[in-house]
Amino acid sequence: MEQDIKNALNIMNSGGTILYPTDTVWGIGCDALNEAAVDKVFAVKQRPREKSMIVLLADARDILQYVAAPPPDIIDMVESFEKPTTVIYEGAIGLADNVINEDGSVAIRVTTDPFCKALIKRLQKPIVSTSANISGAPTPATFSQVSEAIKTGVDYIVQHRRDDETIKPPSRLVKMDDEGHMTVLRP
């Protein structure tokens, strides 16, 4: 795992894209602060620019850096989630413009995956996490389900968990207003 992290860091620090396992499905990622790298992810996925992508953070307290006015108890709320949950927040700040939705919101998940946590902490920046499929195609739950177009489109493919055939569902998706009220968009 250590060599994988070093290789992925080298690629992301130079503006590249990676294919990697997350706490849910296989994803395409990059430095979420690098607009050119985010553009590469959109190109690999063949995804319309108006469809924003998820950002992964290693720790709940990091939300405070990327959301202008989170609810006061946001850290406790996020740390209480019992399953992977992506939260759409209003008032995104500090991220590449093309990661932020046109309405100013951003989708953030605090990952529980040890590989992802280590990668984000070592990069010292959030990373993009979008499912590793061409836009509109089925989401690959395992590495064996990732298409050749995606594999050849990224700059580095993580070795970690390639043989893992465990199916994990996509994250729960909720929208949170600035008062902390949540609306479940995907259970």
Protein backbone atom coordinates (compact mmCIF):
# COMPACT_ATOMS: atom_id res chain seq x y z
CA MET A 1 0.00 0.00 0.00
CA GLU A 2 2.86 2.42 0.78
CA GLN A 3 4.25 2.31 -2.77
CA ASP A 4 0.75 2.80 -4.18
CA ILE A 5 0.31 5.91 -2.04
CA LYS A 6 3.68 7.31 -3.16
CA ASN A 7 2.89 6.65 -6.82
CA ALA A 8 -0.58 8.19 -6.55
CA LEU A 9 0.84 11.24 -4.73
CA ASN A 10 3.44 11.78 -7.46
CA ILE A 11 0.73 11.65 -10.13
CA MET A 12 -1.71 13.94 -8.28
CA ASN A 13 1.01 16.43 -7.33
CA SER A 14 1.85 16.75 -11.03
CA GLY A 15 -1.79 17.35 -12.02
CA GLY A 16 -2.63 13.77 -13.00
CA THR A 17 -5.58 11.47 -12.45
CA ILE A 18 -5.84 8.15 -10.62
CA LEU A 19 -8.15 5.15 -10.62
CA TYR A 20 -8.58 3.97 -7.03
CA PRO A 21 -10.80 2.04 -4.60
CA THR A 22 -12.86 4.11 -2.17
CA ASP A 23 -15.02 3.22 0.81
CA THR A 24 -17.85 2.59 -1.65
CA VAL A 25 -17.00 1.95 -5.34
CA TRP A 26 -13.96 2.36 -7.62
CA GLY A 27 -13.39 5.99 -8.45
CA ILE A 28 -11.47 8.41 -10.61
CA GLY A 29 -9.67 11.04 -8.59
CA CYS A 30 -7.29 13.96 -8.60
CA ASP A 31 -6.28 16.95 -6.49
CA ALA A 32 -9.59 18.76 -5.86
CA LEU A 33 -7.78 22.12 -5.78
CA ASN A 34 -6.28 21.71 -9.27
CA GLU A 35 -8.72 22.94 -11.94
CA ALA A 36 -6.75 21.43 -14.86
CA ALA A 37 -6.67 18.02 -13.13
CA VAL A 38 -10.42 18.20 -12.49
CA ASP A 39 -10.90 18.97 -16.22
CA LYS A 40 -8.99 15.76 -17.00
CA VAL A 41 -11.42 13.78 -14.82
CA PHE A 42 -14.38 15.30 -16.68
CA ALA A 43 -12.72 14.32 -19.98
CA VAL A 44 -11.98 10.73 -18.91
CA LYS A 45 -15.58 10.27 -17.71
CA GLN A 46 -17.01 12.13 -20.71
CA ARG A 47 -19.12 13.91 -18.12
CA PRO A 48 -20.95 17.20 -18.74
CA ARG A 49 -19.28 20.04 -16.83
CA GLU A 50 -22.55 21.06 -15.17
CA LYS A 51 -22.64 17.74 -13.26
CA SER A 52 -20.40 18.31 -10.27
CA MET A 53 -18.29 15.65 -8.56
CA ILE A 54 -17.78 14.44 -5.00
CA VAL A 55 -14.81 15.56 -2.92
CA LEU A 56 -13.30 13.20 -0.33
CA LEU A 57 -11.84 14.47 2.94
CA ALA A 58 -9.89 12.51 5.54
CA ASP A 59 -11.37 14.17 8.64
CA ALA A 60 -14.71 15.81 9.48
CA ARG A 61 -12.96 18.93 10.82
CA ASP A 62 -11.64 19.58 7.28
CA ILE A 63 -15.20 20.47 6.22
CA LEU A 64 -14.61 23.82 7.94
CA GLN A 65 -11.99 24.71 5.27
CA TYR A 66 -14.29 24.06 2.31
CA VAL A 67 -17.78 25.12 3.43
CA ALA A 68 -18.44 28.80 4.17
CA ALA A 69 -21.09 28.41 6.88
CA PRO A 70 -21.51 24.83 8.05
CA PRO A 71 -23.85 24.12 10.96
CA PRO A 72 -22.05 24.55 14.31
CA ASP A 73 -22.31 20.84 15.14
CA ILE A 74 -21.28 19.57 11.70
CA ILE A 75 -18.27 17.62 12.93
CA ASP A 76 -20.36 15.65 15.44
CA MET A 77 -23.08 15.11 12.83
CA VAL A 78 -20.67 13.72 10.22
CA GLU A 79 -18.80 11.58 12.73
CA SER A 80 -22.13 10.01 13.78
CA PHE A 81 -22.94 8.67 10.28
CA GLU A 82 -23.09 4.89 10.40
CA LYS A 83 -22.48 4.35 6.68
CA PRO A 84 -20.65 6.25 3.93
CA THR A 85 -22.60 9.46 3.43
CA THR A 86 -22.00 12.19 0.90
CA VAL A 87 -23.34 15.55 2.02
CA ILE A 88 -24.17 18.39 -0.37
CA TYR A 89 -23.32 21.67 1.34
CA GLU A 90 -24.20 25.20 0.33
CA GLY A 91 -21.43 27.79 0.12
CA ALA A 92 -18.40 25.86 -1.14
CA ILE A 93 -15.06 27.64 -0.74
CA GLY A 94 -11.38 26.93 -1.37
CA LEU A 95 -11.84 24.25 -4.04
CA ALA A 96 -11.19 24.31 -7.79
CA ASP A 97 -14.04 26.22 -9.44
CA ASN A 98 -14.98 23.25 -11.60
CA VAL A 99 -15.55 21.03 -8.54
CA ILE A 100 -18.15 23.46 -7.23
CA ASN A 101 -21.68 23.18 -8.61
CA GLU A 102 -23.02 26.20 -10.48
CA ASP A 103 -25.35 26.89 -7.51
CA GLY A 104 -22.29 27.20 -5.24
CA SER A 105 -22.76 23.84 -3.52
CA VAL A 106 -20.30 20.99 -3.14
CA ALA A 107 -20.71 17.29 -2.38
CA ILE A 108 -18.29 16.09 0.33
CA ARG A 109 -17.77 12.69 1.91
CA VAL A 110 -15.46 12.07 4.83
CA THR A 111 -13.94 8.72 3.95
CA THR A 112 -13.46 5.84 6.33
CA ASP A 113 -11.28 3.85 3.92
CA PRO A 114 -7.72 3.51 5.30
CA PHE A 115 -6.09 3.84 1.86
CA CYS A 116 -8.09 6.96 0.96
CA LYS A 117 -7.53 8.53 4.39
CA ALA A 118 -3.76 7.99 4.12
CA LEU A 119 -3.68 9.34 0.57
CA ILE A 120 -5.61 12.51 1.45
CA LYS A 121 -3.59 13.15 4.61
CA ARG A 122 -0.30 12.77 2.73
CA LEU A 123 -1.50 14.93 -0.17
CA GLN A 124 -2.73 17.48 2.40
CA LYS A 125 -5.61 18.36 0.08
CA PRO A 126 -9.04 16.95 -0.68
CA ILE A 127 -9.36 14.61 -3.65
CA VAL A 128 -12.05 14.26 -6.28
CA SER A 129 -14.03 11.04 -6.14
CA THR A 130 -16.32 10.23 -9.00
CA SER A 131 -17.39 6.76 -10.04
CA ALA A 132 -14.99 5.09 -12.48
CA ASN A 133 -17.34 4.85 -15.42
CA ILE A 134 -18.11 6.72 -18.60
CA SER A 135 -20.96 9.09 -17.78
CA GLY A 136 -24.26 7.20 -18.01
CA ALA A 137 -22.68 3.72 -17.88
CA PRO A 138 -23.09 1.44 -14.84
CA THR A 139 -20.99 2.24 -11.78
CA PRO A 140 -18.18 -0.30 -11.24
CA ALA A 141 -18.32 -1.75 -7.74
CA THR A 142 -15.10 -3.70 -8.30
CA PHE A 143 -11.93 -3.19 -10.33
CA SER A 144 -12.90 -6.01 -12.70
CA GLN A 145 -15.98 -3.98 -13.70
CA VAL A 146 -13.99 -0.86 -14.72
CA SER A 147 -13.96 -0.37 -18.50
CA GLU A 148 -10.79 -0.29 -20.58
CA ALA A 149 -11.66 3.26 -21.65
CA ILE A 150 -11.38 4.40 -18.03
CA LYS A 151 -8.26 2.33 -17.33
CA THR A 152 -6.43 3.81 -20.33
CA GLY A 153 -7.76 7.30 -19.67
CA VAL A 154 -6.22 7.81 -16.22
CA ASP A 155 -2.58 8.48 -15.40
CA TYR A 156 -2.20 5.87 -12.65
CA ILE A 157 -4.13 2.79 -11.52
CA VAL A 158 -3.82 1.92 -7.85
CA GLN A 159 -2.82 -1.71 -7.18
CA HIS A 160 -4.49 -1.84 -3.75
CA ARG A 161 -7.70 -3.95 -3.62
CA ARG A 162 -7.74 -4.84 -7.33
CA ASP A 163 -8.63 -8.44 -6.43
CA ASP A 164 -11.31 -7.47 -3.91
CA GLU A 165 -14.69 -8.54 -5.34
CA THR A 166 -16.69 -7.27 -2.36
CA ILE A 167 -19.68 -5.26 -3.56
CA LYS A 168 -20.29 -2.09 -1.57
CA PRO A 169 -23.21 0.19 -2.37
CA PRO A 170 -22.71 3.82 -3.39
CA SER A 171 -22.82 6.29 -0.53
CA ARG A 172 -25.99 7.68 0.95
CA LEU A 173 -26.56 11.16 -0.50
CA VAL A 174 -28.04 13.97 1.59
CA LYS A 175 -28.42 17.70 1.12
CA MET A 176 -27.84 19.89 4.14
CA ASP A 177 -28.98 23.48 4.53
CA ASP A 178 -27.02 26.03 6.56
CA GLU A 179 -29.14 25.27 9.65
CA GLY A 180 -28.17 21.59 9.59
CA HIS A 181 -31.45 20.19 8.26
CA MET A 182 -30.84 17.17 6.03
CA THR A 183 -32.86 15.94 3.09
CA VAL A 184 -32.08 12.39 1.94
CA LEU A 185 -31.63 12.28 -1.84
CA ARG A 186 -30.35 8.68 -2.03
CA PRO A 187 -30.82 6.36 0.96
